Protein backbone atom coordinates (compact mmCIF):
# COMPACT_ATOMS: atom_id res chain seq x y z
CA MET A 1 21.22 9.97 29.88
CA SER A 2 18.32 8.00 28.46
CA THR A 3 16.42 8.79 25.30
CA PRO A 4 13.01 10.47 25.59
CA SER A 5 11.09 7.43 24.33
CA GLY A 6 13.18 4.78 26.06
CA TRP A 7 12.84 2.41 23.07
CA GLU A 8 16.18 2.86 21.30
CA ASP A 9 17.21 -0.81 21.01
CA ASP A 10 17.53 -1.31 17.18
CA PHE A 11 14.79 -3.95 17.28
CA ASP A 12 12.87 -4.30 13.99
CA VAL A 13 9.22 -5.07 14.65
CA LEU A 14 8.39 -5.69 11.00
CA PRO A 15 10.86 -6.67 8.26
CA ASP A 16 11.43 -4.36 5.29
CA VAL A 17 10.49 -7.14 2.85
CA THR A 18 8.42 -10.11 3.90
CA GLU A 19 9.03 -13.64 2.67
CA ASP A 20 5.88 -13.68 0.52
CA GLU A 21 7.11 -10.63 -1.42
CA SER A 22 10.15 -12.54 -2.67
CA PRO A 23 10.13 -14.69 -5.82
CA GLY A 24 10.40 -17.80 -3.64
CA GLY A 25 7.25 -16.79 -1.80
CA TRP A 26 5.36 -16.93 -5.09
CA GLY A 27 6.86 -20.29 -6.03
CA ASP A 28 9.23 -18.75 -8.58
CA ASP A 29 12.94 -19.33 -8.79
CA ASP A 30 15.32 -16.60 -7.70
CA THR A 31 16.83 -15.96 -11.15
CA SER A 32 16.42 -12.53 -12.68
CA ASN A 33 14.49 -12.00 -15.90
CA ASP A 34 15.96 -8.56 -16.61
CA GLN A 35 18.61 -9.58 -19.17
CA ARG A 36 16.11 -11.60 -21.24
CA LEU A 37 13.72 -8.66 -21.30
CA LEU A 38 16.49 -6.29 -22.37
CA ASP A 39 17.58 -8.70 -25.13
CA GLU A 40 14.02 -8.98 -26.45
CA ARG A 41 13.40 -5.24 -26.36
CA PRO A 42 11.70 -3.97 -29.53
CA PRO A 43 13.86 -1.77 -31.82
CA HIS A 44 11.54 1.24 -31.44
CA TRP A 45 12.40 1.59 -27.72
């Protein structure tokens, strides 16, 4: 039996994240900055 819409083929029309949303799309490297920010966190946080 077919589905009501007939379009059940697991085909993604648009990606979840586009290439320009990645660090490489902005010309940045792919390394994370999170650890440096946590290390430099002010003591009152």
